[in-house]
Amino acid sequence: MIQVTNLSKSFGDLHAVKNISFKINKGEVFGFLGPNGAGKSTTINMMSTILQSDKGTILVDGINLKENPNKCKGLIGVVPQEISLYDEFTAYDNLLFWGSIYNIPKNELKQRIDKILELIGLSDRKNDLIKNYSGGMKRRINIASALLHNPKILFMDEPTVGVDPQSRNRIFEVVEALNKQGMTIVYTTHYMEEVERLCNRIAIIDNGEIIAQGTQNELQKKSNVNEAVEITFESISGDQVEKLKKELKGEIIQIDNTVAIACDVNKDLSSIISICNNENLTIEDLELKKVNLEAIFLSLTGKQLRD
């Protein structure tokens, strides 16, 4: 659906995006995960015709974006970080205005607006002025305005920043519903849990470069981050730790009476507990450390996401 090759963009001495390449398949949710200033917005702005690249190629559904930007614009919807609404208009009138830009026949447009308002959960507030909306409600109308022309591809740039939990969850449900209908979605965020819930594949981006890309399982293999069991014992001696290392044949890290054991949790947990019992070790606490994107990001970039 989208093929990006050797894409770069600079602003003076700032190299915002540095020679990145990736492919987004039809019907998937593709996430860009990275801190503020990593190059996520610049990348999505080039893909959605808002910015022109310095070099590189972008193909949208087989169409060269640089050669035929207007044709590409008809295929995409854009949800920007900024709220692009008129405060003195109602939500319904805002959508009528934005829909008129696409030259959609008025009766058809009204039907689409009603359907989209139902999707985002704001049908009962459609006649309220935007200035009386909460931040989360404005975000949802912002999304609605990008859907009026039935795009094949939806670009969403940090769509949940500053929203209340109810609106945030509704935005997740909208993304999932649209994707279930076959829409391709490109989603940028610096929230790990959003990517873990929504995205089929992920590109980790930092300092304008794609550090790694793939499914979460593929990223886990590239990062060499393993699952672990963290066990706190009533007491444990150095000799007992050495026996555990010998028996388990895996990486073990000890801090006081707590040991972290790298393992396949589903496969190895019962044998680990059995070995501990055989060594007369009394377990006070046991915690499963599943691999998550936070650990993967730290391993691949050497820093926390919000550093």
C-alpha atoms as a PDB file:
ATOM      1  CA  MET A   1       0.000   0.000   0.000  1.00  0.00           C
ATOM      2  CA  ILE A   2       2.856   2.414   0.874  1.00  0.00           C
ATOM      3  CA  GLN A   3       6.498   2.019  -0.115  1.00  0.00           C
ATOM      4  CA  VAL A   4       9.046   4.524   1.211  1.00  0.00           C
ATOM      5  CA  THR A   5      12.650   4.420  -0.006  1.00  0.00           C
ATOM      6  CA  ASN A   6      15.634   6.479   1.219  1.00  0.00           C
ATOM      7  CA  LEU A   7      13.510   9.331   2.561  1.00  0.00           C
ATOM      8  CA  SER A   8      15.295  12.369   4.049  1.00  0.00           C
ATOM      9  CA  LYS A   9      14.344  15.826   5.294  1.00  0.00           C
ATOM     10  CA  SER A  10      16.391  18.630   6.836  1.00  0.00           C
ATOM     11  CA  PHE A  11      15.517  22.028   8.261  1.00  0.00           C
ATOM     12  CA  GLY A  12      18.724  24.030   7.979  1.00  0.00           C
ATOM     13  CA  ASP A  13      21.319  22.188  10.055  1.00  0.00           C
ATOM     14  CA  LEU A  14      18.705  19.938  11.649  1.00  0.00           C
ATOM     15  CA  HIS A  15      18.525  16.520   9.954  1.00  0.00           C
ATOM     16  CA  ALA A  16      14.989  15.577  10.981  1.00  0.00           C
ATOM     17  CA  VAL A  17      14.695  12.387   8.895  1.00  0.00           C
ATOM     18  CA  LYS A  18      17.750  10.484   7.717  1.00  0.00           C
ATOM     19  CA  ASN A  19      17.505   8.145   4.744  1.00  0.00           C
ATOM     20  CA  ILE A  20      14.722   5.894   6.052  1.00  0.00           C
ATOM     21  CA  SER A  21      12.994   3.082   4.152  1.00  0.00           C
ATOM     22  CA  PHE A  22       9.960   0.977   5.053  1.00  0.00           C
ATOM     23  CA  LYS A  23       6.861  -0.674   3.611  1.00  0.00           C
ATOM     24  CA  ILE A  24       3.299  -0.532   4.931  1.00  0.00           C
ATOM     25  CA  ASN A  25       0.989  -3.345   3.851  1.00  0.00           C
ATOM     26  CA  LYS A  26      -2.624  -2.929   2.835  1.00  0.00           C
ATOM     27  CA  GLY A  27      -5.055  -3.284   5.722  1.00  0.00           C
ATOM     28  CA  GLU A  28      -2.573  -3.064   8.600  1.00  0.00           C
ATOM     29  CA  VAL A  29      -2.028  -0.614  11.431  1.00  0.00           C
ATOM     30  CA  PHE A  30       1.587   0.514  11.186  1.00  0.00           C
ATOM     31  CA  GLY A  31       2.997   2.390  14.160  1.00  0.00           C
ATOM     32  CA  PHE A  32       5.852   4.854  14.478  1.00  0.00           C
ATOM     33  CA  LEU A  33       7.112   4.728  18.062  1.00  0.00           C
ATOM     34  CA  GLY A  34       9.610   7.269  19.327  1.00  0.00           C
ATOM     35  CA  PRO A  35      10.162  10.240  21.648  1.00  0.00           C
ATOM     36  CA  ASN A  36       9.194  13.810  20.846  1.00  0.00           C
ATOM     37  CA  GLY A  37      11.533  15.178  18.174  1.00  0.00           C
ATOM     38  CA  ALA A  38      12.390  11.731  16.810  1.00  0.00           C
ATOM     39  CA  GLY A  39      11.101  12.495  13.291  1.00  0.00           C
ATOM     40  CA  LYS A  40       7.656  10.879  13.485  1.00  0.00           C
ATOM     41  CA  SER A  41       5.621  13.935  12.502  1.00  0.00           C
ATOM     42  CA  THR A  42       8.081  14.976   9.777  1.00  0.00           C
ATOM     43  CA  THR A  43       7.834  11.503   8.255  1.00  0.00           C
ATOM     44  CA  ILE A  44       4.049  11.405   8.335  1.00  0.00           C
ATOM     45  CA  ASN A  45       3.842  14.957   6.949  1.00  0.00           C
ATOM     46  CA  MET A  46       5.949  13.954   3.944  1.00  0.00           C
ATOM     47  CA  MET A  47       3.817  10.860   3.370  1.00  0.00           C
ATOM     48  CA  SER A  48       0.618  12.934   3.492  1.00  0.00           C
ATOM     49  CA  THR A  49       1.852  15.675   1.070  1.00  0.00           C
ATOM     50  CA  ILE A  50       2.093  18.361   3.794  1.00  0.00           C
ATOM     51  CA  LEU A  51       5.891  18.509   3.497  1.00  0.00           C
ATOM     52  CA  GLN A  52       8.088  17.829   0.497  1.00  0.00           C
ATOM     53  CA  SER A  53      11.047  15.525   1.025  1.00  0.00           C
ATOM     54  CA  ASP A  54      14.626  16.523   0.242  1.00  0.00           C
ATOM     55  CA  LYS A  55      15.244  13.140  -1.321  1.00  0.00           C
ATOM     56  CA  GLY A  56      13.698   9.699  -1.525  1.00  0.00           C
ATOM     57  CA  THR A  57      10.616   8.109  -3.030  1.00  0.00           C
ATOM     58  CA  ILE A  58       7.108   7.605  -1.644  1.00  0.00           C
ATOM     59  CA  LEU A  59       4.666   5.334  -3.470  1.00  0.00           C
ATOM     60  CA  VAL A  60       1.038   5.411  -2.301  1.00  0.00           C
ATOM     61  CA  ASP A  61      -0.991   2.538  -3.741  1.00  0.00           C
ATOM     62  CA  GLY A  62       1.561   2.393  -6.562  1.00  0.00           C
ATOM     63  CA  ILE A  63       1.365   6.149  -7.288  1.00  0.00           C
ATOM     64  CA  ASN A  64       4.496   8.289  -7.016  1.00  0.00           C
ATOM     65  CA  LEU A  65       3.540  10.976  -4.503  1.00  0.00           C
ATOM     66  CA  LYS A  66       5.970  13.580  -5.801  1.00  0.00           C
ATOM     67  CA  GLU A  67       4.809  13.150  -9.393  1.00  0.00           C
ATOM     68  CA  ASN A  68       1.076  12.978  -8.666  1.00  0.00           C
ATOM     69  CA  PRO A  69       0.321  14.483  -5.221  1.00  0.00           C
ATOM     70  CA  ASN A  70      -3.326  15.348  -5.981  1.00  0.00           C
ATOM     71  CA  LYS A  71      -4.184  11.762  -6.871  1.00  0.00           C
ATOM     72  CA  CYS A  72      -2.536  10.600  -3.650  1.00  0.00           C
ATOM     73  CA  LYS A  73      -4.479  13.162  -1.619  1.00  0.00           C
ATOM     74  CA  GLY A  74      -7.726  11.514  -2.718  1.00  0.00           C
ATOM     75  CA  LEU A  75      -6.582   8.241  -1.156  1.00  0.00           C
ATOM     76  CA  ILE A  76      -5.573   9.553   2.252  1.00  0.00           C
ATOM     77  CA  GLY A  77      -7.084  11.146   5.337  1.00  0.00           C
ATOM     78  CA  VAL A  78      -4.954  13.058   7.823  1.00  0.00           C
ATOM     79  CA  VAL A  79      -5.516  13.515  11.554  1.00  0.00           C
ATOM     80  CA  PRO A  80      -2.915  16.126  12.582  1.00  0.00           C
ATOM     81  CA  GLN A  81      -1.644  16.806  16.100  1.00  0.00           C
ATOM     82  CA  GLU A  82      -3.219  20.249  15.987  1.00  0.00           C
ATOM     83  CA  ILE A  83      -6.985  20.623  16.328  1.00  0.00           C
ATOM     84  CA  SER A  84      -8.233  21.872  12.934  1.00  0.00           C
ATOM     85  CA  LEU A  85     -11.743  22.998  13.869  1.00  0.00           C
ATOM     86  CA  TYR A  86     -13.728  26.239  14.114  1.00  0.00           C
ATOM     87  CA  ASP A  87     -14.708  26.949  17.721  1.00  0.00           C
ATOM     88  CA  GLU A  88     -17.735  29.069  16.822  1.00  0.00           C
ATOM     89  CA  PHE A  89     -19.251  26.318  14.621  1.00  0.00           C
ATOM     90  CA  THR A  90     -21.115  23.282  15.852  1.00  0.00           C
ATOM     91  CA  ALA A  91     -19.513  19.896  15.350  1.00  0.00           C
ATOM     92  CA  TYR A  92     -22.012  19.172  12.583  1.00  0.00           C
ATOM     93  CA  ASP A  93     -21.290  22.445  10.779  1.00  0.00           C
ATOM     94  CA  ASN A  94     -17.558  21.836  11.050  1.00  0.00           C
ATOM     95  CA  LEU A  95     -17.995  18.495   9.328  1.00  0.00           C
ATOM     96  CA  LEU A  96     -20.251  20.041   6.673  1.00  0.00           C
ATOM     97  CA  PHE A  97     -17.536  22.603   5.957  1.00  0.00           C
ATOM     98  CA  TRP A  98     -14.687  20.105   5.720  1.00  0.00           C
ATOM     99  CA  GLY A  99     -16.812  17.721   3.674  1.00  0.00           C
ATOM    100  CA  SER A 100     -17.615  20.458   1.150  1.00  0.00           C
ATOM    101  CA  ILE A 101     -13.894  20.728   0.344  1.00  0.00           C
ATOM    102  CA  TYR A 102     -14.074  17.200  -1.084  1.00  0.00           C
ATOM    103  CA  ASN A 103     -17.039  18.135  -3.316  1.00  0.00           C
ATOM    104  CA  ILE A 104     -19.204  15.415  -1.799  1.00  0.00           C
ATOM    105  CA  PRO A 105     -22.897  15.847  -2.773  1.00  0.00           C
ATOM    106  CA  LYS A 106     -24.759  17.413   0.165  1.00  0.00           C
ATOM    107  CA  ASN A 107     -27.253  14.590   0.783  1.00  0.00           C
ATOM    108  CA  GLU A 108     -24.484  11.994   0.639  1.00  0.00           C
ATOM    109  CA  LEU A 109     -22.304  14.121   2.915  1.00  0.00           C
ATOM    110  CA  LYS A 110     -25.052  14.399   5.539  1.00  0.00           C
ATOM    111  CA  GLN A 111     -25.442  10.621   5.553  1.00  0.00           C
ATOM    112  CA  ARG A 112     -21.693  10.172   5.990  1.00  0.00           C
ATOM    113  CA  ILE A 113     -21.576  12.713   8.818  1.00  0.00           C
ATOM    114  CA  ASP A 114     -24.374  10.932  10.700  1.00  0.00           C
ATOM    115  CA  LYS A 115     -22.594   7.591  10.301  1.00  0.00           C
ATOM    116  CA  ILE A 116     -19.203   8.947  11.409  1.00  0.00           C
ATOM    117  CA  LEU A 117     -20.682  10.797  14.400  1.00  0.00           C
ATOM    118  CA  GLU A 118     -22.181   7.509  15.527  1.00  0.00           C
ATOM    119  CA  LEU A 119     -18.806   5.794  15.077  1.00  0.00           C
ATOM    120  CA  ILE A 120     -16.993   8.328  17.277  1.00  0.00           C
ATOM    121  CA  GLY A 121     -19.800   8.437  19.845  1.00  0.00           C
ATOM    122  CA  LEU A 122     -20.838  12.088  19.480  1.00  0.00           C
ATOM    123  CA  SER A 123     -24.208  11.945  17.700  1.00  0.00           C
ATOM    124  CA  ASP A 124     -25.942  13.416  20.749  1.00  0.00           C
ATOM    125  CA  ARG A 125     -23.544  16.391  20.850  1.00  0.00           C
ATOM    126  CA  LYS A 126     -23.457  17.225  17.131  1.00  0.00           C
ATOM    127  CA  ASN A 127     -25.271  20.563  17.551  1.00  0.00           C
ATOM    128  CA  ASP A 128     -23.031  21.824  20.355  1.00  0.00           C
ATOM    129  CA  LEU A 129     -20.421  24.480  19.593  1.00  0.00           C
ATOM    130  CA  ILE A 130     -16.877  23.161  19.378  1.00  0.00           C
ATOM    131  CA  LYS A 131     -15.742  25.711  21.969  1.00  0.00           C
ATOM    132  CA  ASN A 132     -17.907  23.869  24.508  1.00  0.00           C
ATOM    133  CA  TYR A 133     -16.282  20.510  23.753  1.00  0.00           C
ATOM    134  CA  SER A 134     -13.631  18.873  25.934  1.00  0.00           C
ATOM    135  CA  GLY A 135     -10.177  18.298  24.459  1.00  0.00           C
ATOM    136  CA  GLY A 136     -10.955  14.625  23.891  1.00  0.00           C
ATOM    137  CA  MET A 137     -14.214  15.387  22.095  1.00  0.00           C
ATOM    138  CA  LYS A 138     -12.430  17.858  19.811  1.00  0.00           C
ATOM    139  CA  ARG A 139      -9.895  15.150  18.997  1.00  0.00           C
ATOM    140  CA  ARG A 140     -12.702  12.816  17.974  1.00  0.00           C
ATOM    141  CA  ILE A 141     -14.264  15.428  15.674  1.00  0.00           C
ATOM    142  CA  ASN A 142     -10.779  16.004  14.250  1.00  0.00           C
ATOM    143  CA  ILE A 143     -10.703  12.301  13.358  1.00  0.00           C
ATOM    144  CA  ALA A 144     -14.209  12.477  11.906  1.00  0.00           C
ATOM    145  CA  SER A 145     -13.219  15.277   9.524  1.00  0.00           C
ATOM    146  CA  ALA A 146     -10.474  13.058   8.074  1.00  0.00           C
ATOM    147  CA  LEU A 147     -12.956  10.258   7.306  1.00  0.00           C
ATOM    148  CA  LEU A 148     -15.574  12.158   5.305  1.00  0.00           C
ATOM    149  CA  HIS A 149     -14.216  11.216   1.855  1.00  0.00           C
ATOM    150  CA  ASN A 150     -13.776   7.508   2.719  1.00  0.00           C
ATOM    151  CA  PRO A 151      -9.966   7.396   2.471  1.00  0.00           C
ATOM    152  CA  LYS A 152      -8.120   4.130   1.895  1.00  0.00           C
ATOM    153  CA  ILE A 153      -5.306   5.245   4.197  1.00  0.00           C
ATOM    154  CA  LEU A 154      -5.594   7.188   7.446  1.00  0.00           C
ATOM    155  CA  PHE A 155      -2.610   9.032   8.940  1.00  0.00           C
ATOM    156  CA  MET A 156      -2.963   9.674  12.684  1.00  0.00           C
ATOM    157  CA  ASP A 157      -0.290  11.845  14.313  1.00  0.00           C
ATOM    158  CA  GLU A 158      -0.343  11.507  18.119  1.00  0.00           C
ATOM    159  CA  PRO A 159      -4.176  11.414  18.165  1.00  0.00           C
ATOM    160  CA  THR A 160      -4.548  10.881  21.927  1.00  0.00           C
ATOM    161  CA  VAL A 161      -2.279  13.618  23.293  1.00  0.00           C
ATOM    162  CA  GLY A 162      -4.029  15.458  26.126  1.00  0.00           C
ATOM    163  CA  VAL A 163      -7.317  13.550  25.985  1.00  0.00           C
ATOM    164  CA  ASP A 164      -9.376  12.136  28.836  1.00  0.00           C
ATOM    165  CA  PRO A 165      -9.415   8.333  29.417  1.00  0.00           C
ATOM    166  CA  GLN A 166     -12.951   7.937  27.997  1.00  0.00           C
ATOM    167  CA  SER A 167     -12.084   9.692  24.724  1.00  0.00           C
ATOM    168  CA  ARG A 168      -8.779   7.871  24.519  1.00  0.00           C
ATOM    169  CA  ASN A 169     -10.469   4.500  24.746  1.00  0.00           C
ATOM    170  CA  ARG A 170     -13.074   5.586  22.179  1.00  0.00           C
ATOM    171  CA  ILE A 171     -10.282   6.593  19.790  1.00  0.00           C
ATOM    172  CA  PHE A 172      -8.762   3.123  20.212  1.00  0.00           C
ATOM    173  CA  GLU A 173     -12.135   1.559  19.398  1.00  0.00           C
ATOM    174  CA  VAL A 174     -12.490   3.783  16.313  1.00  0.00           C
ATOM    175  CA  VAL A 175      -9.033   2.754  15.063  1.00  0.00           C
ATOM    176  CA  GLU A 176      -9.860  -0.918  15.591  1.00  0.00           C
ATOM    177  CA  ALA A 177     -13.255  -0.589  13.873  1.00  0.00           C
ATOM    178  CA  LEU A 178     -11.797   1.227  10.854  1.00  0.00           C
ATOM    179  CA  ASN A 179      -9.019  -1.318  10.513  1.00  0.00           C
ATOM    180  CA  LYS A 180     -11.529  -4.164  10.766  1.00  0.00           C
ATOM    181  CA  GLN A 181     -13.308  -2.577   7.786  1.00  0.00           C
ATOM    182  CA  GLY A 182     -10.047  -2.812   5.809  1.00  0.00           C
ATOM    183  CA  MET A 183      -8.588   0.673   6.241  1.00  0.00           C
ATOM    184  CA  THR A 184      -4.797   1.008   6.341  1.00  0.00           C
ATOM    185  CA  ILE A 185      -3.745   3.175   9.294  1.00  0.00           C
ATOM    186  CA  VAL A 186      -0.418   4.873   9.980  1.00  0.00           C
ATOM    187  CA  TYR A 187      -0.203   5.801  13.654  1.00  0.00           C
ATOM    188  CA  THR A 188       2.468   7.826  15.476  1.00  0.00           C
ATOM    189  CA  THR A 189       2.799   7.873  19.243  1.00  0.00           C
ATOM    190  CA  HIS A 190       5.237   7.941  22.147  1.00  0.00           C
ATOM    191  CA  TYR A 191       2.919   5.796  24.275  1.00  0.00           C
ATOM    192  CA  MET A 192       4.069   2.164  24.344  1.00  0.00           C
ATOM    193  CA  GLU A 193       0.679   0.772  25.388  1.00  0.00           C
ATOM    194  CA  GLU A 194      -1.012   2.278  22.317  1.00  0.00           C
ATOM    195  CA  VAL A 195       1.381   0.551  19.938  1.00  0.00           C
ATOM    196  CA  GLU A 196       1.080  -2.729  21.830  1.00  0.00           C
ATOM    197  CA  ARG A 197      -2.716  -2.620  21.580  1.00  0.00           C
ATOM    198  CA  LEU A 198      -3.236  -1.257  18.072  1.00  0.00           C
ATOM    199  CA  CYS A 199      -0.321  -1.923  15.736  1.00  0.00           C
ATOM    200  CA  ASN A 200       0.414  -4.979  13.608  1.00  0.00           C
ATOM    201  CA  ARG A 201       3.937  -3.765  12.876  1.00  0.00           C
ATOM    202  CA  ILE A 202       6.093  -1.065  14.425  1.00  0.00           C
ATOM    203  CA  ALA A 203       8.977   1.156  13.364  1.00  0.00           C
ATOM    204  CA  ILE A 204      11.083   2.391  16.283  1.00  0.00           C
ATOM    205  CA  ILE A 205      12.381   5.808  15.280  1.00  0.00           C
ATOM    206  CA  ASP A 206      14.926   7.962  17.097  1.00  0.00           C
ATOM    207  CA  ASN A 207      16.989  10.964  15.981  1.00  0.00           C
ATOM    208  CA  GLY A 208      15.476  10.748  12.509  1.00  0.00           C
ATOM    209  CA  GLU A 209      16.514   7.132  11.948  1.00  0.00           C
ATOM    210  CA  ILE A 210      14.558   3.884  12.012  1.00  0.00           C
ATOM    211  CA  ILE A 211      16.371   1.757  14.586  1.00  0.00           C
ATOM    212  CA  ALA A 212      14.307  -1.365  13.914  1.00  0.00           C
ATOM    213  CA  GLN A 213      10.956  -2.370  12.429  1.00  0.00           C
ATOM    214  CA  GLY A 214       8.706  -5.419  12.460  1.00  0.00           C
ATOM    215  CA  THR A 215       6.125  -7.130  14.639  1.00  0.00           C
ATOM    216  CA  GLN A 216       6.640  -7.031  18.391  1.00  0.00           C
ATOM    217  CA  ASN A 217       7.948 -10.620  18.275  1.00  0.00           C
ATOM    218  CA  GLU A 218      10.401  -9.697  15.514  1.00  0.00           C
ATOM    219  CA  LEU A 219      11.584  -6.663  17.471  1.00  0.00           C
ATOM    220  CA  GLN A 220      12.049  -8.857  20.533  1.00  0.00           C
ATOM    221  CA  LYS A 221      14.359 -11.176  18.581  1.00  0.00           C
ATOM    222  CA  LYS A 222      16.364  -8.231  17.225  1.00  0.00           C
ATOM    223  CA  SER A 223      16.759  -6.765  20.709  1.00  0.00           C
ATOM    224  CA  ASN A 224      17.690 -10.061  22.416  1.00  0.00           C
ATOM    225  CA  VAL A 225      15.401  -9.170  25.332  1.00  0.00           C
ATOM    226  CA  ASN A 226      14.135 -12.267  27.119  1.00  0.00           C
ATOM    227  CA  GLU A 227      11.250 -13.027  29.407  1.00  0.00           C
ATOM    228  CA  ALA A 228      12.182 -13.526  33.040  1.00  0.00           C
ATOM    229  CA  VAL A 229      10.930 -14.768  36.385  1.00  0.00           C
ATOM    230  CA  GLU A 230      11.820 -12.602  39.369  1.00  0.00           C
ATOM    231  CA  ILE A 231      11.777 -14.585  42.618  1.00  0.00           C
ATOM    232  CA  THR A 232      12.291 -13.262  46.148  1.00  0.00           C
ATOM    233  CA  PHE A 233      13.354 -15.902  48.679  1.00  0.00           C
ATOM    234  CA  GLU A 234      13.249 -15.882  52.461  1.00  0.00           C
ATOM    235  CA  SER A 235      17.018 -16.241  52.153  1.00  0.00           C
ATOM    236  CA  ILE A 236      19.493 -17.544  49.577  1.00  0.00           C
ATOM    237  CA  SER A 237      23.220 -18.223  49.802  1.00  0.00           C
ATOM    238  CA  GLY A 238      25.907 -17.774  47.180  1.00  0.00           C
ATOM    239  CA  ASP A 239      26.246 -21.560  46.886  1.00  0.00           C
ATOM    240  CA  GLN A 240      22.515 -21.921  46.250  1.00  0.00           C
ATOM    241  CA  VAL A 241      22.660 -19.243  43.533  1.00  0.00           C
ATOM    242  CA  GLU A 242      25.495 -21.160  41.858  1.00  0.00           C
ATOM    243  CA  LYS A 243      23.448 -24.374  42.033  1.00  0.00           C
ATOM    244  CA  LEU A 244      20.496 -22.589  40.412  1.00  0.00           C
ATOM    245  CA  LYS A 245      22.746 -21.347  37.594  1.00  0.00           C
ATOM    246  CA  LYS A 246      24.048 -24.854  37.032  1.00  0.00           C
ATOM    247  CA  GLU A 247      20.591 -26.438  37.097  1.00  0.00           C
ATOM    248  CA  LEU A 248      18.802 -23.822  34.996  1.00  0.00           C
ATOM    249  CA  LYS A 249      21.618 -23.145  32.502  1.00  0.00           C
ATOM    250  CA  GLY A 250      20.351 -19.611  31.941  1.00  0.00           C
ATOM    251  CA  GLU A 251      21.216 -16.057  32.875  1.00  0.00           C
ATOM    252  CA  ILE A 252      20.591 -15.317  36.547  1.00  0.00           C
ATOM    253  CA  ILE A 253      20.955 -11.919  38.186  1.00  0.00           C
ATOM    254  CA  GLN A 254      20.986 -11.722  42.005  1.00  0.00           C
ATOM    255  CA  ILE A 255      20.190  -8.673  44.147  1.00  0.00           C
ATOM    256  CA  ASP A 256      20.119  -9.566  47.861  1.00  0.00           C
ATOM    257  CA  ASN A 257      17.472 -12.319  48.263  1.00  0.00           C
ATOM    258  CA  THR A 258      15.926 -11.730  44.834  1.00  0.00           C
ATOM    259  CA  VAL A 259      17.006 -13.466  41.638  1.00  0.00           C
ATOM    260  CA  ALA A 260      15.889 -12.735  38.082  1.00  0.00           C
ATOM    261  CA  ILE A 261      15.999 -15.754  35.783  1.00  0.00           C
ATOM    262  CA  ALA A 262      15.858 -15.319  31.998  1.00  0.00           C
ATOM    263  CA  CYS A 263      13.592 -18.007  30.575  1.00  0.00           C
ATOM    264  CA  ASP A 264      10.576 -18.936  28.510  1.00  0.00           C
ATOM    265  CA  VAL A 265       7.962 -18.283  31.194  1.00  0.00           C
ATOM    266  CA  ASN A 266       5.253 -20.590  29.820  1.00  0.00           C
ATOM    267  CA  LYS A 267       7.676 -23.454  29.254  1.00  0.00           C
ATOM    268  CA  ASP A 268      10.096 -23.189  32.178  1.00  0.00           C
ATOM    269  CA  LEU A 269       8.197 -21.842  35.189  1.00  0.00           C
ATOM    270  CA  SER A 270       7.106 -25.181  36.678  1.00  0.00           C
ATOM    271  CA  SER A 271      10.631 -26.642  36.475  1.00  0.00           C
ATOM    272  CA  ILE A 272      12.104 -23.480  38.046  1.00  0.00           C
ATOM    273  CA  ILE A 273       9.743 -23.787  41.030  1.00  0.00           C
ATOM    274  CA  SER A 274      10.537 -27.504  41.327  1.00  0.00           C
ATOM    275  CA  ILE A 275      14.300 -26.845  41.380  1.00  0.00           C
ATOM    276  CA  CYS A 276      13.827 -24.138  44.039  1.00  0.00           C
ATOM    277  CA  ASN A 277      11.859 -26.590  46.177  1.00  0.00           C
ATOM    278  CA  ASN A 278      14.585 -29.236  45.769  1.00  0.00           C
ATOM    279  CA  GLU A 279      17.126 -26.696  47.033  1.00  0.00           C
ATOM    280  CA  ASN A 280      14.901 -26.002  50.075  1.00  0.00           C
ATOM    281  CA  LEU A 281      14.456 -22.385  49.040  1.00  0.00           C
ATOM    282  CA  THR A 282      11.370 -20.686  50.498  1.00  0.00           C
ATOM    283  CA  ILE A 283       9.682 -18.433  47.926  1.00  0.00           C
ATOM    284  CA  GLU A 284       8.206 -15.224  49.375  1.00  0.00           C
ATOM    285  CA  ASP A 285       7.265 -13.544  46.116  1.00  0.00           C
ATOM    286  CA  LEU A 286       7.270 -14.413  42.427  1.00  0.00           C
ATOM    287  CA  GLU A 287       6.741 -11.993  39.530  1.00  0.00           C
ATOM    288  CA  LEU A 288       6.608 -12.763  35.812  1.00  0.00           C
ATOM    289  CA  LYS A 289       8.505 -10.255  33.671  1.00  0.00           C
ATOM    290  CA  LYS A 290       6.986 -10.493  30.211  1.00  0.00           C
ATOM    291  CA  VAL A 291       8.810  -8.762  27.366  1.00  0.00           C
ATOM    292  CA  ASN A 292       7.227  -5.415  26.522  1.00  0.00           C
ATOM    293  CA  LEU A 293       8.049  -2.611  24.129  1.00  0.00           C
ATOM    294  CA  GLU A 294       9.610  -0.549  26.905  1.00  0.00           C
ATOM    295  CA  ALA A 295      12.311  -3.191  27.426  1.00  0.00           C
ATOM    296  CA  ILE A 296      12.748  -3.622  23.659  1.00  0.00           C
ATOM    297  CA  PHE A 297      13.069   0.135  23.105  1.00  0.00           C
ATOM    298  CA  LEU A 298      15.630   0.421  25.894  1.00  0.00           C
ATOM    299  CA  SER A 299      17.651  -2.462  24.454  1.00  0.00           C
ATOM    300  CA  LEU A 300      17.634  -1.116  20.893  1.00  0.00           C
ATOM    301  CA  THR A 301      18.226   2.591  21.642  1.00  0.00           C
ATOM    302  CA  GLY A 302      20.075   2.484  24.956  1.00  0.00           C
ATOM    303  CA  LYS A 303      17.609   4.872  26.620  1.00  0.00           C
ATOM    304  CA  GLN A 304      14.120   5.144  28.040  1.00  0.00           C
ATOM    305  CA  LEU A 305      11.457   6.353  25.605  1.00  0.00           C
ATOM    306  CA  ARG A 306      10.828   9.575  27.557  1.00  0.00           C
ATOM    307  CA  ASP A 307      14.521  10.461  28.068  1.00  0.00           C
END
